[in-house]
N, C-alpha and C. Protein backbone atom coordinates (compact mmCIF):
# COMPACT_ATOMS: atom_id res chain seq x y z
N UNK A 1 7.35 -4.43 -11.43
CA UNK A 1 7.01 -3.45 -9.87
C UNK A 1 5.48 -4.19 -9.83
N UNK A 2 5.13 -4.99 -8.90
CA UNK A 2 3.48 -5.29 -8.65
C UNK A 2 3.09 -4.35 -7.78
N UNK A 3 2.63 -3.60 -8.10
CA UNK A 3 1.63 -2.45 -7.64
C UNK A 3 0.35 -2.98 -6.88
N UNK A 4 -0.13 -2.97 -5.67
CA UNK A 4 -1.20 -3.23 -4.95
C UNK A 4 -1.96 -1.78 -4.59
N UNK A 5 -3.41 -1.52 -5.14
CA UNK A 5 -4.24 -0.75 -5.25
C UNK A 5 -5.26 -1.22 -3.94
N UNK A 6 -5.26 -0.69 -2.83
CA UNK A 6 -6.61 -0.80 -1.63
C UNK A 6 -6.97 0.31 -1.31
N UNK A 7 -8.33 -0.01 -1.12
CA UNK A 7 -9.53 1.49 -1.34
C UNK A 7 -10.20 1.00 0.13
N UNK A 8 -10.74 1.79 0.94
CA UNK A 8 -11.39 1.49 2.04
C UNK A 8 -12.75 2.29 1.65
N UNK A 9 -14.13 1.43 2.54
CA UNK A 9 -15.70 1.34 2.42
C UNK A 9 -15.65 2.72 1.93
N UNK A 10 -15.17 4.17 2.99
CA UNK A 10 -15.84 5.32 2.72
C UNK A 10 -15.36 6.27 1.42
N UNK A 11 -14.84 5.58 0.79
CA UNK A 11 -13.94 5.90 -0.52
C UNK A 11 -14.30 4.73 -1.72
N UNK A 12 -14.84 4.13 -1.49
CA UNK A 12 -15.16 3.42 -2.53
C UNK A 12 -15.46 3.64 -3.89
N UNK A 13 -16.79 4.17 -3.72
CA UNK A 13 -16.72 5.05 -5.39
C UNK A 13 -15.95 5.17 -5.96
N UNK A 14 -14.99 5.74 -5.51
CA UNK A 14 -13.73 6.54 -6.34
C UNK A 14 -12.55 5.38 -6.58
N UNK A 15 -12.73 4.18 -6.57
CA UNK A 15 -11.79 3.32 -7.47
C UNK A 15 -11.57 3.16 -8.53
N UNK A 16 -12.57 3.70 -9.28
CA UNK A 16 -12.29 3.12 -10.59
C UNK A 16 -11.60 4.62 -11.16
N UNK A 17 -11.72 5.95 -10.50
CA UNK A 17 -10.75 6.74 -10.87
C UNK A 17 -9.38 6.39 -10.44
N UNK A 18 -9.53 5.92 -9.37
CA UNK A 18 -7.87 6.01 -8.78
C UNK A 18 -6.62 5.21 -9.26
N UNK A 19 -7.61 4.15 -9.73
CA UNK A 19 -7.35 2.69 -10.66
C UNK A 19 -6.87 2.87 -12.26
N UNK A 20 -7.52 3.84 -12.99
CA UNK A 20 -7.48 4.51 -14.04
C UNK A 20 -6.15 5.28 -14.17
N UNK A 21 -5.92 6.12 -13.27
CA UNK A 21 -5.05 7.12 -13.07
C UNK A 21 -3.73 6.38 -12.65
N UNK A 22 -3.69 5.46 -11.75
CA UNK A 22 -2.67 4.67 -11.43
C UNK A 22 -2.32 3.50 -12.69
N UNK A 23 -3.06 2.98 -13.12
CA UNK A 23 -2.78 2.33 -14.72
C UNK A 23 -2.29 2.96 -15.98
N UNK A 24 -3.03 4.46 -16.04
CA UNK A 24 -2.42 4.81 -17.25
C UNK A 24 -1.23 5.40 -17.14
N UNK A 25 -0.37 5.68 -15.62
CA UNK A 25 0.63 5.97 -15.33
C UNK A 25 1.96 5.05 -15.38
N UNK A 26 1.20 3.71 -14.36
CA UNK A 26 2.21 2.87 -14.01
C UNK A 26 2.47 1.62 -15.05
N UNK A 27 1.53 1.24 -15.53
CA UNK A 27 1.74 0.24 -16.35
C UNK A 27 2.63 0.55 -18.02
N UNK A 28 2.73 1.84 -18.50
CA UNK A 28 3.44 2.01 -19.95
C UNK A 28 4.92 2.16 -19.05
N UNK A 29 5.05 2.08 -17.79
CA UNK A 29 6.42 1.80 -16.99
C UNK A 29 6.71 0.64 -17.50
N UNK A 30 5.86 -0.20 -17.21
CA UNK A 30 6.53 -1.38 -17.14
C UNK A 30 6.14 -2.21 -15.64
N UNK A 31 5.12 -1.77 -14.85
CA UNK A 31 4.68 -1.58 -13.79
C UNK A 31 3.64 -3.09 -14.15
N UNK A 32 2.72 -3.40 -12.70
CA UNK A 32 1.57 -3.92 -13.00
C UNK A 32 0.85 -3.88 -11.84
N UNK A 33 -0.35 -3.29 -12.18
CA UNK A 33 -1.08 -2.95 -10.84
C UNK A 33 -1.90 -4.20 -10.67
N UNK A 34 -2.61 -4.42 -9.31
CA UNK A 34 -3.67 -5.26 -9.06
C UNK A 34 -4.20 -4.22 -8.11
N UNK A 35 -5.56 -4.78 -8.37
CA UNK A 35 -6.54 -3.71 -8.06
C UNK A 35 -7.46 -4.84 -7.03
N UNK A 36 -7.18 -4.69 -5.38
CA UNK A 36 -7.78 -5.55 -4.51
C UNK A 36 -9.33 -4.93 -3.88
N UNK A 37 -9.75 -3.71 -4.82
CA UNK A 37 -10.74 -3.50 -4.19
C UNK A 37 -10.43 -2.39 -2.97
N UNK A 38 -11.73 -1.73 -2.43
CA UNK A 38 -12.73 -2.06 -2.56
C UNK A 38 -13.11 -1.41 -3.97
N UNK A 39 -13.85 -1.89 -4.87
CA UNK A 39 -14.53 -1.80 -5.87
C UNK A 39 -15.35 -0.65 -6.27
N UNK A 40 -16.71 -0.97 -5.11
CA UNK A 40 -17.57 -0.19 -5.01
C UNK A 40 -18.11 0.34 -3.72
N UNK A 41 -18.83 0.97 -3.43
CA UNK A 41 -19.36 1.24 -2.43
C UNK A 41 -20.62 -0.18 -1.81
N UNK A 42 -21.12 -0.84 -2.68
CA UNK A 42 -22.01 -1.53 -2.15
C UNK A 42 -21.09 -2.88 -2.23
N UNK A 43 -19.73 -3.29 -2.42
CA UNK A 43 -19.17 -4.14 -2.32
C UNK A 43 -19.56 -5.57 -0.78
N UNK A 44 -20.01 -6.63 -1.46
CA UNK A 44 -20.15 -7.24 0.11
C UNK A 44 -19.21 -7.27 1.08
N UNK A 45 -17.88 -7.28 0.98
CA UNK A 45 -16.44 -7.75 1.53
C UNK A 45 -16.43 -5.68 1.62
N UNK A 46 -16.29 -5.59 2.72
CA UNK A 46 -16.01 -3.90 3.11
C UNK A 46 -14.95 -3.93 4.43
N UNK A 47 -14.06 -2.90 3.56
CA UNK A 47 -12.48 -2.70 4.34
C UNK A 47 -12.75 -1.42 4.84
N UNK A 48 -11.81 -1.54 6.01
CA UNK A 48 -12.08 -0.29 6.69
C UNK A 48 -10.29 0.37 6.79
N UNK A 49 -10.19 1.45 7.50
CA UNK A 49 -8.60 1.78 6.73
C UNK A 49 -7.64 1.07 7.63
N UNK A 50 -8.52 0.53 9.06
CA UNK A 50 -7.50 -0.60 9.99
C UNK A 50 -7.12 -1.94 8.83
N UNK A 51 -8.35 -2.54 7.86
CA UNK A 51 -7.99 -3.08 7.44
C UNK A 51 -7.41 -3.14 6.25
N UNK A 52 -7.31 -1.99 5.82
CA UNK A 52 -6.35 -1.52 4.81
C UNK A 52 -4.81 -1.95 5.05
N UNK A 53 -4.68 -1.30 6.17
CA UNK A 53 -3.15 -1.35 6.98
C UNK A 53 -2.80 -2.90 7.15
N UNK A 54 -3.60 -4.06 7.71
CA UNK A 54 -3.40 -5.11 7.77
C UNK A 54 -3.18 -6.19 6.50
N UNK A 55 -4.00 -5.70 5.45
CA UNK A 55 -3.56 -6.26 4.12
C UNK A 55 -2.57 -5.60 3.24
N UNK A 56 -2.01 -4.46 3.32
CA UNK A 56 -0.94 -3.79 2.92
C UNK A 56 0.05 -4.88 3.77
N UNK A 57 0.21 -4.95 5.12
CA UNK A 57 1.13 -5.98 5.82
C UNK A 57 1.35 -7.37 4.80
N UNK A 58 0.26 -8.00 4.48
CA UNK A 58 0.19 -9.35 4.52
C UNK A 58 0.16 -9.28 2.92
N UNK A 59 0.23 -8.26 1.63
CA UNK A 59 0.64 -8.24 0.48
C UNK A 59 2.08 -8.22 0.68
N UNK A 60 2.74 -7.12 0.77
CA UNK A 60 4.06 -6.71 1.42
C UNK A 60 5.05 -7.93 1.78
N UNK A 61 4.68 -8.15 2.77
CA UNK A 61 5.66 -9.09 3.43
C UNK A 61 5.71 -10.93 3.05
N UNK A 62 4.92 -10.83 2.13
CA UNK A 62 4.81 -12.14 1.75
C UNK A 62 5.23 -12.05 -0.26
N UNK A 63 5.33 -10.70 -0.51
CA UNK A 63 6.15 -11.06 -1.56
C UNK A 63 4.67 -10.57 -3.03
N UNK A 64 3.16 -10.36 -2.60
CA UNK A 64 2.39 -10.58 -3.41
C UNK A 64 1.98 -9.01 -4.22
N UNK A 65 2.89 -8.37 -3.42
CA UNK A 65 3.25 -6.69 -3.91
C UNK A 65 4.56 -6.43 -3.57
N UNK A 66 4.90 -4.92 -4.76
CA UNK A 66 6.28 -4.76 -4.48
C UNK A 66 6.13 -3.09 -3.88
N UNK A 67 4.75 -3.10 -4.02
CA UNK A 67 4.62 -1.54 -3.48
C UNK A 67 2.95 -1.56 -3.32
N UNK A 68 2.47 -0.79 -2.29
CA UNK A 68 1.20 -0.12 -1.82
C UNK A 68 0.56 0.87 -1.92
N UNK A 69 -0.70 1.09 -2.99
CA UNK A 69 -1.20 2.35 -2.76
C UNK A 69 -2.28 2.40 -2.26
N UNK A 70 -2.63 3.60 -0.92
CA UNK A 70 -3.79 3.00 -0.27
C UNK A 70 -4.43 4.23 -0.15
N UNK A 71 -5.24 4.46 0.97
CA UNK A 71 -5.97 5.55 1.59
C UNK A 71 -7.22 5.77 1.55
N UNK A 72 -7.37 6.88 2.23
CA UNK A 72 -8.73 6.88 3.15
C UNK A 72 -9.64 8.48 2.99
N UNK A 73 -10.07 9.07 3.86
CA UNK A 73 -10.49 9.99 3.38
C UNK A 73 -9.59 11.42 3.76
N UNK A 74 -8.75 11.08 4.75
CA UNK A 74 -7.59 11.83 5.11
C UNK A 74 -6.51 11.59 4.60
N UNK A 75 -6.49 9.90 4.69
CA UNK A 75 -4.93 9.46 4.13
C UNK A 75 -4.09 8.85 5.32
N UNK A 76 -4.80 9.59 6.55
CA UNK A 76 -3.60 9.31 7.69
C UNK A 76 -4.09 7.91 8.12
N UNK A 77 -5.17 7.24 8.58
CA UNK A 77 -5.62 6.68 9.20
C UNK A 77 -5.00 5.33 8.76
N UNK A 78 -5.35 5.25 7.28
CA UNK A 78 -4.52 4.40 6.18
C UNK A 78 -3.25 4.24 6.41
N UNK A 79 -2.01 5.35 6.56
CA UNK A 79 -0.79 5.62 7.00
C UNK A 79 -0.68 4.90 8.14
N UNK A 80 -1.36 5.48 9.03
CA UNK A 80 -1.21 4.76 10.62
C UNK A 80 -1.11 3.16 10.84
N UNK A 81 -2.64 2.96 10.08
CA UNK A 81 -2.37 1.35 10.22
C UNK A 81 -1.13 0.51 9.11
N UNK A 82 -1.24 1.15 8.35
CA UNK A 82 0.30 0.58 7.40
C UNK A 82 1.36 0.51 8.09
N UNK A 83 1.77 1.21 8.58
CA UNK A 83 3.21 1.57 9.39
C UNK A 83 2.62 0.95 10.83
N UNK A 84 2.01 -0.03 11.08
CA UNK A 84 2.25 -0.41 12.47
C UNK A 84 2.42 -2.29 12.13
N UNK A 85 2.46 -2.22 10.57
CA UNK A 85 2.84 -3.94 10.24
C UNK A 85 4.19 -4.03 9.56
N UNK A 86 4.80 -4.94 10.19
CA UNK A 86 6.82 -5.39 9.88
C UNK A 86 6.68 -5.12 8.51
N UNK A 87 7.83 -4.67 8.55
CA UNK A 87 8.28 -4.16 7.01
C UNK A 87 7.31 -3.56 6.18
N UNK A 88 6.50 -2.86 6.79
CA UNK A 88 5.77 -1.80 6.05
C UNK A 88 6.01 0.13 5.89
N UNK A 89 6.52 0.86 5.18
CA UNK A 89 6.83 2.02 5.39
C UNK A 89 6.29 2.58 4.48
N UNK A 90 5.37 3.66 4.97
CA UNK A 90 4.38 4.02 4.10
C UNK A 90 3.96 5.61 4.59
N UNK A 91 4.08 6.31 3.65
CA UNK A 91 4.25 7.74 3.67
C UNK A 91 2.88 8.33 3.42
N UNK A 92 2.42 9.83 4.00
CA UNK A 92 1.18 10.37 3.18
C UNK A 92 1.63 11.41 2.78
N UNK A 93 1.23 11.29 1.20
CA UNK A 93 1.57 11.44 0.54
C UNK A 93 -0.16 12.30 -0.47
N UNK A 94 -0.05 13.88 -0.43
CA UNK A 94 -0.76 14.61 -0.57
C UNK A 94 -0.78 15.17 -2.28
N UNK A 95 0.70 15.47 -2.56
CA UNK A 95 0.79 16.27 -4.18
C UNK A 95 1.96 15.26 -4.82
N UNK A 96 2.30 15.92 -6.25
CA UNK A 96 3.41 15.29 -6.36
C UNK A 96 4.92 15.73 -5.62
N UNK A 97 5.20 16.66 -5.14
CA UNK A 97 6.49 16.90 -4.63
C UNK A 97 6.25 16.25 -3.48
N UNK A 98 5.11 16.07 -2.53
CA UNK A 98 5.25 14.84 -1.50
C UNK A 98 5.79 13.23 -2.38
N UNK A 99 5.25 13.18 -3.06
CA UNK A 99 5.49 11.43 -4.24
C UNK A 99 7.12 11.92 -4.21
N UNK A 100 7.23 12.98 -4.50
CA UNK A 100 8.87 13.17 -5.00
C UNK A 100 9.76 13.18 -4.01
N UNK A 101 9.71 13.58 -2.79
CA UNK A 101 10.72 13.85 -1.59
C UNK A 101 10.42 11.79 -1.37
N UNK A 102 9.06 11.79 -0.95
CA UNK A 102 9.19 10.44 -0.43
C UNK A 102 9.94 9.25 -1.11
N UNK A 103 9.93 9.36 -2.51
CA UNK A 103 10.43 8.24 -2.99
C UNK A 103 11.92 8.63 -2.89
N UNK A 104 12.59 9.59 -3.09
CA UNK A 104 13.67 9.88 -2.96
C UNK A 104 14.18 9.87 -2.16
N UNK A 105 13.75 10.64 -0.92
CA UNK A 105 14.59 10.26 0.56
C UNK A 105 14.13 9.27 1.57
N UNK A 106 12.79 8.96 1.46
CA UNK A 106 12.33 7.64 2.29
C UNK A 106 12.33 6.39 1.51
N UNK A 107 12.14 6.36 0.46
CA UNK A 107 12.05 5.21 -0.66
C UNK A 107 11.22 4.01 0.23
N UNK A 108 9.87 4.13 0.58
CA UNK A 108 8.83 3.12 1.49
C UNK A 108 8.52 2.20 0.51
N UNK A 109 7.45 1.95 0.84
CA UNK A 109 6.98 0.62 0.00
C UNK A 109 5.68 0.73 -0.21
N UNK A 110 5.35 1.58 0.46
CA UNK A 110 3.68 2.23 0.59
C UNK A 110 3.48 3.62 0.37
N UNK A 111 2.57 4.24 -0.18
CA UNK A 111 1.98 5.27 0.31
C UNK A 111 0.20 5.52 0.41
N UNK A 112 -0.17 6.30 1.51
CA UNK A 112 -1.52 6.54 1.68
C UNK A 112 -1.69 8.07 1.01
N UNK A 113 -2.71 7.88 0.25
CA UNK A 113 -3.90 9.49 0.07
C UNK A 113 -4.80 9.58 0.85
N UNK A 114 -4.96 10.82 0.29
CA UNK A 114 -6.77 11.27 0.72
C UNK A 114 -7.57 11.39 -0.40
N UNK A 115 -8.35 10.59 -0.29
CA UNK A 115 -9.46 10.63 -1.26
C UNK A 115 -10.95 11.28 -1.45
N UNK A 116 -10.58 12.16 0.28
CA UNK A 116 -12.07 13.18 0.27
C UNK A 116 -11.48 14.51 0.69
N UNK A 117 -10.42 14.57 1.48
CA UNK A 117 -9.96 15.89 2.10
C UNK A 117 -9.36 16.44 0.63
N UNK A 118 -9.99 17.73 0.29
CA UNK A 118 -9.41 18.00 -0.85
C UNK A 118 -9.24 17.23 -2.37
N UNK A 119 -10.12 16.30 -2.57
CA UNK A 119 -10.56 15.35 -3.64
C UNK A 119 -11.42 15.83 -4.67
N UNK A 120 -11.27 17.24 -5.43
CA UNK A 120 -12.37 17.93 -6.30
C UNK A 120 -11.66 17.81 -7.19
N UNK A 121 -11.99 19.10 -8.26
CA UNK A 121 -12.15 19.20 -9.74
C UNK A 121 -10.49 18.82 -10.25
N UNK A 122 -10.39 18.33 -11.51
CA UNK A 122 -9.24 17.95 -11.69
C UNK A 122 -8.54 16.81 -10.50
N UNK A 123 -9.17 16.10 -9.97
CA UNK A 123 -7.94 15.30 -8.76
C UNK A 123 -7.62 14.08 -9.52
N UNK A 124 -7.97 13.56 -10.71
CA UNK A 124 -7.36 12.63 -11.48
C UNK A 124 -6.09 13.03 -11.79
N UNK A 125 -6.08 14.87 -12.16
CA UNK A 125 -4.69 15.27 -12.79
C UNK A 125 -3.78 14.95 -11.93
N UNK A 126 -4.28 15.34 -10.44
CA UNK A 126 -3.00 15.30 -9.30
C UNK A 126 -2.74 13.84 -9.04
N UNK A 127 -4.05 12.85 -8.95
CA UNK A 127 -3.20 11.25 -9.15
C UNK A 127 -2.16 10.78 -9.84
N UNK A 128 -2.68 11.44 -11.19
CA UNK A 128 -1.45 10.84 -12.09
C UNK A 128 0.09 11.50 -12.07
N UNK A 129 0.05 12.75 -11.74
CA UNK A 129 1.39 13.32 -11.10
C UNK A 129 2.03 13.19 -10.21
N UNK A 130 0.96 12.55 -9.06
CA UNK A 130 1.66 11.65 -7.85
C UNK A 130 1.51 10.29 -8.47
N UNK A 131 1.47 9.76 -9.29
CA UNK A 131 2.09 8.19 -9.52
C UNK A 131 3.45 8.40 -10.32
N UNK A 132 3.31 9.45 -11.39
CA UNK A 132 4.45 10.03 -12.01
C UNK A 132 5.31 10.30 -11.54
N UNK A 133 5.51 10.66 -10.34
CA UNK A 133 6.83 11.63 -9.40
C UNK A 133 7.17 10.30 -8.64
N UNK A 134 6.49 9.19 -8.18
CA UNK A 134 6.48 8.15 -7.55
C UNK A 134 7.16 7.18 -7.95
N UNK A 135 6.59 6.73 -9.46
CA UNK A 135 7.10 5.36 -9.97
C UNK A 135 8.26 5.57 -11.70
N UNK A 136 8.56 6.65 -11.67
CA UNK A 136 9.29 6.97 -12.86
C UNK A 136 10.70 7.73 -13.01
N UNK A 137 11.47 6.81 -13.18
CA UNK A 137 12.77 6.47 -12.64
C UNK A 137 13.45 5.82 -11.26
N UNK A 138 14.22 6.22 -11.12
CA UNK A 138 14.94 5.60 -9.58
C UNK A 138 14.37 6.23 -8.53
N UNK A 139 14.35 5.30 -7.39
CA UNK A 139 13.66 6.01 -6.42
C UNK A 139 14.88 5.88 -5.36
N UNK A 140 15.34 6.64 -3.81
CA UNK A 140 15.88 6.88 -3.28
C UNK A 140 17.54 7.08 -3.70
N UNK A 141 17.20 8.06 -4.65
CA UNK A 141 18.68 8.96 -5.08
C UNK A 141 19.35 9.83 -4.29
N UNK A 142 18.15 10.48 -3.41
CA UNK A 142 18.33 11.16 -1.97
C UNK A 142 18.07 12.70 -2.88
N UNK A 143 17.42 13.60 -1.26
CA UNK A 143 17.48 14.92 -2.27
C UNK A 143 17.67 15.80 -0.97
N UNK A 144 18.31 16.76 -1.04
CA UNK A 144 19.29 17.03 -2.38
C UNK A 144 20.36 16.11 -2.67
N UNK A 145 20.78 16.09 -3.59
CA UNK A 145 21.66 14.62 -4.05
C UNK A 145 23.24 14.40 -3.18
N UNK A 146 23.65 15.39 -2.63
CA UNK A 146 24.64 15.88 -1.91
C UNK A 146 24.79 15.25 -0.35
N UNK A 147 23.08 14.86 -0.31
CA UNK A 147 23.02 13.91 0.91
C UNK A 147 22.14 12.65 0.76
N UNK A 148 23.00 12.51 0.34
CA UNK A 148 22.28 11.08 -0.53
C UNK A 148 22.95 9.79 0.62
N UNK A 149 24.09 9.53 1.00
CA UNK A 149 24.91 8.65 1.59
C UNK A 149 24.10 8.62 3.12
N UNK A 150 23.77 10.14 3.91
CA UNK A 150 23.06 9.97 5.56
C UNK A 150 21.88 9.64 4.93
N UNK A 151 20.86 10.09 4.11
CA UNK A 151 19.79 9.18 3.71
C UNK A 151 19.67 7.74 3.72
N UNK A 152 20.29 7.29 2.94
CA UNK A 152 20.49 5.72 2.82
C UNK A 152 20.51 5.18 4.00
N UNK A 153 21.93 5.74 4.95
CA UNK A 153 22.19 5.10 6.00
C UNK A 153 20.55 5.39 7.10
N UNK A 154 20.17 6.37 7.20
CA UNK A 154 18.65 6.57 8.16
C UNK A 154 18.08 5.68 7.84
N UNK A 155 17.72 5.49 6.06
CA UNK A 155 16.54 4.39 5.85
C UNK A 155 17.01 2.94 6.64
N UNK A 156 18.26 2.64 6.27
CA UNK A 156 18.82 1.26 6.87
C UNK A 156 18.39 0.92 8.93
N UNK A 157 19.06 2.37 9.03
CA UNK A 157 19.05 2.29 10.60
C UNK A 157 17.38 2.27 10.83
N UNK A 158 16.78 3.13 10.25
CA UNK A 158 14.96 2.87 10.18
C UNK A 158 14.45 1.38 10.06
N UNK A 159 14.91 0.72 9.28
CA UNK A 159 14.41 -0.59 8.95
C UNK A 159 14.91 -1.69 9.82
N UNK A 160 16.24 -0.80 11.02
CA UNK A 160 16.37 -2.38 12.06
C UNK A 160 15.72 -2.08 12.99
N UNK A 161 15.34 -0.61 13.47
CA UNK A 161 14.23 -0.53 14.07
C UNK A 161 13.28 -0.83 14.27
N UNK A 162 12.28 -0.75 12.94
CA UNK A 162 11.00 -1.29 12.89
C UNK A 162 11.32 -2.96 12.98
N UNK A 163 12.37 -3.53 12.98
CA UNK A 163 12.60 -5.22 12.60
C UNK A 163 12.46 -5.36 14.01
N UNK A 164 13.21 -4.30 15.10
CA UNK A 164 13.47 -5.05 16.02
C UNK A 164 12.08 -4.35 17.36
N UNK A 165 11.16 -3.31 16.79
CA UNK A 165 9.90 -3.15 17.54
C UNK A 165 8.69 -3.89 17.11
N UNK A 166 8.96 -4.97 15.67
CA UNK A 166 7.60 -5.35 15.10
C UNK A 166 8.27 -7.15 15.42
N UNK A 167 6.93 -7.83 15.61
CA UNK A 167 6.84 -8.68 15.19
C UNK A 167 6.66 -9.55 13.75
N UNK A 168 7.06 -10.70 13.41
CA UNK A 168 7.09 -10.80 11.83
C UNK A 168 5.55 -11.24 11.57
N UNK A 169 5.51 -11.54 9.81
CA UNK A 169 4.13 -11.04 9.68
C UNK A 169 3.25 -12.33 9.90
N UNK A 170 3.77 -13.35 9.91
CA UNK A 170 3.19 -14.59 10.81
C UNK A 170 2.70 -14.56 12.18
N UNK A 171 3.55 -14.21 12.33
CA UNK A 171 2.87 -13.91 14.15
C UNK A 171 2.09 -12.93 14.14
N UNK A 172 2.22 -12.31 13.58
CA UNK A 172 1.06 -11.23 13.57
C UNK A 172 -0.52 -11.49 13.36
N UNK A 173 -0.42 -12.32 12.11
CA UNK A 173 -1.47 -13.33 11.62
C UNK A 173 -2.41 -13.73 12.72
N UNK A 174 -1.42 -14.63 12.96
CA UNK A 174 -1.87 -15.50 14.43
C UNK A 174 -2.67 -14.90 15.58
N UNK A 175 -1.96 -13.82 15.60
CA UNK A 175 -2.29 -13.20 16.97
C UNK A 175 -3.17 -12.02 16.91
N UNK A 176 -3.17 -11.72 15.62
CA UNK A 176 -4.66 -10.43 15.25
C UNK A 176 -5.92 -11.32 15.79
N UNK A 177 -6.67 -10.40 15.69
CA UNK A 177 -8.05 -10.91 15.91
C UNK A 177 -8.75 -11.22 14.66
N UNK A 178 -9.00 -12.45 14.64
CA UNK A 178 -9.39 -13.67 13.58
C UNK A 178 -10.41 -13.23 12.51
N UNK A 179 -11.18 -12.25 13.27
CA UNK A 179 -12.67 -11.96 12.28
C UNK A 179 -12.21 -10.42 11.45
N UNK A 180 -11.55 -9.77 12.22
CA UNK A 180 -10.35 -8.71 11.40
C UNK A 180 -9.69 -9.20 10.20
N UNK A 181 -9.12 -10.15 10.63
CA UNK A 181 -8.03 -10.80 9.34
C UNK A 181 -8.97 -11.63 8.01
N UNK A 182 -10.02 -12.08 8.81
CA UNK A 182 -10.65 -12.79 7.74
C UNK A 182 -11.60 -11.58 7.21
N UNK A 183 -12.07 -11.03 7.27
CA UNK A 183 -12.94 -9.74 6.51
C UNK A 183 -11.56 -8.98 5.93
N UNK A 184 -10.49 -8.78 6.32
CA UNK A 184 -9.46 -8.07 5.38
C UNK A 184 -9.09 -8.60 4.16
N UNK A 185 -9.31 -10.66 4.57
CA UNK A 185 -9.13 -10.94 2.89
C UNK A 185 -10.19 -11.08 2.58
N UNK A 186 -11.72 -11.18 2.15
CA UNK A 186 -12.56 -11.62 2.08
C UNK A 186 -13.32 -10.43 0.60
N UNK A 187 -12.06 -10.02 0.31
CA UNK A 187 -12.66 -9.10 -1.29
C UNK A 187 -12.46 -10.24 -2.16
N UNK A 188 -13.48 -10.15 -3.27
CA UNK A 188 -14.15 -10.67 -4.04
C UNK A 188 -12.71 -11.39 -5.07
N UNK A 189 -12.23 -10.61 -5.22
CA UNK A 189 -10.62 -10.95 -6.04
C UNK A 189 -9.14 -11.31 -5.26
N UNK A 190 -9.86 -11.39 -3.94
CA UNK A 190 -8.33 -11.63 -2.98
C UNK A 190 -7.55 -12.88 -3.11
N UNK A 191 -8.33 -14.00 -3.42
CA UNK A 191 -7.63 -15.27 -3.87
C UNK A 191 -7.24 -15.03 -5.32
N UNK A 192 -8.01 -15.12 -5.66
CA UNK A 192 -7.50 -14.57 -7.38
C UNK A 192 -6.44 -13.95 -7.61
N UNK A 193 -6.13 -13.02 -6.89
CA UNK A 193 -4.89 -11.72 -7.09
C UNK A 193 -3.76 -12.40 -6.07
N UNK A 194 -4.10 -12.41 -5.05
CA UNK A 194 -2.78 -12.93 -3.87
C UNK A 194 -2.05 -14.10 -4.29
N UNK A 195 -2.71 -15.29 -3.92
CA UNK A 195 -2.31 -16.68 -4.07
C UNK A 195 -1.48 -17.31 -5.02
N UNK A 196 -1.44 -16.66 -6.22
CA UNK A 196 -0.59 -16.83 -7.51
C UNK A 196 0.56 -16.06 -7.23
N UNK A 197 0.53 -14.87 -6.98
CA UNK A 197 1.90 -13.68 -6.64
C UNK A 197 2.42 -14.42 -5.15
N UNK A 198 1.92 -14.82 -4.18
CA UNK A 198 2.32 -14.70 -3.24
C UNK A 198 3.42 -15.61 -3.41
N UNK A 199 5.26 -14.93 -2.42
CA UNK A 199 5.96 -16.18 -2.13
C UNK A 199 6.35 -16.46 -0.42
N UNK A 200 5.82 -16.09 0.30
CA UNK A 200 5.93 -16.94 1.29
C UNK A 200 4.82 -17.99 1.42
N UNK A 201 5.24 -19.37 1.40
CA UNK A 201 4.00 -20.67 1.50
C UNK A 201 3.43 -20.63 2.83
N UNK A 202 4.39 -20.57 4.24
CA UNK A 202 3.95 -20.32 5.33
C UNK A 202 2.77 -19.10 5.60
N UNK A 203 2.90 -17.81 4.95
CA UNK A 203 1.45 -16.58 4.95
C UNK A 203 0.56 -17.43 4.35
N UNK A 204 0.74 -17.73 2.99
CA UNK A 204 -0.26 -18.41 1.80
C UNK A 204 -0.68 -19.70 3.08
N UNK A 205 -0.48 -20.41 3.35
CA UNK A 205 -1.10 -21.37 4.12
C UNK A 205 -1.88 -21.55 5.05
N UNK A 206 -1.31 -20.16 5.65
CA UNK A 206 -2.12 -20.09 7.08
C UNK A 206 -3.29 -18.87 6.52
N UNK A 207 -3.24 -17.97 5.54
CA UNK A 207 -5.17 -17.44 5.10
C UNK A 207 -5.35 -18.58 4.61
N UNK A 208 -5.04 -19.59 4.01
CA UNK A 208 -6.22 -20.39 3.30
C UNK A 208 -6.75 -21.23 4.63
N UNK A 209 -6.07 -21.85 5.67
CA UNK A 209 -6.45 -22.58 6.37
C UNK A 209 -7.38 -21.85 7.45
N UNK A 210 -8.20 -20.38 7.07
CA UNK A 210 -9.18 -19.70 7.75
C UNK A 210 -10.15 -20.21 6.84
N UNK A 211 -10.39 -20.67 6.14
CA UNK A 211 -11.37 -21.07 5.30
C UNK A 211 -11.74 -22.16 5.61
N UNK A 212 -10.80 -22.77 6.20
CA UNK A 212 -10.97 -24.68 6.12
C UNK A 212 -12.41 -25.04 7.63
């Protein structure tokens, strides 16, 4: 699985801590982590939590990522922005229990975490435990297990509801504020990470056209 990490400007200084915790858990399990930044608080390209959501939508809808790990100070802003995108199902995850239940019940494709609120001593251990509960084993099995079928059915209904209430990602890209879009993909490693992994030529070509 391709896992994308996205962190916004207020928490950029913690990128190395979050990235190390994520790779420590995910890569031995056979997953590959792509760090889209921000990398430091001094990065030339700055991401807001709104841009986190837009970038998550681009990565997941294009197939450049299978799962997105994002967040902000409380985790709420990035979660809301991500869930505004078509095809993105983002949960607010604070602790390992949240991660387990989100993975088993909701089986979404993104999580948002708080990197300021409650982020103190041994925070990196909490991050590792969260990622372990999320990425080790099979997701979507249900909890409790006897409710697995109704949970699976409800996930399908939610996806149909999202499809009915959202436009496709290419339409979103063409109609969203273009300066906001350019800023969201302005990270120093975006092109290097995104285009080789993108599976949607229409999305890739439109994003490339913004530089023309």
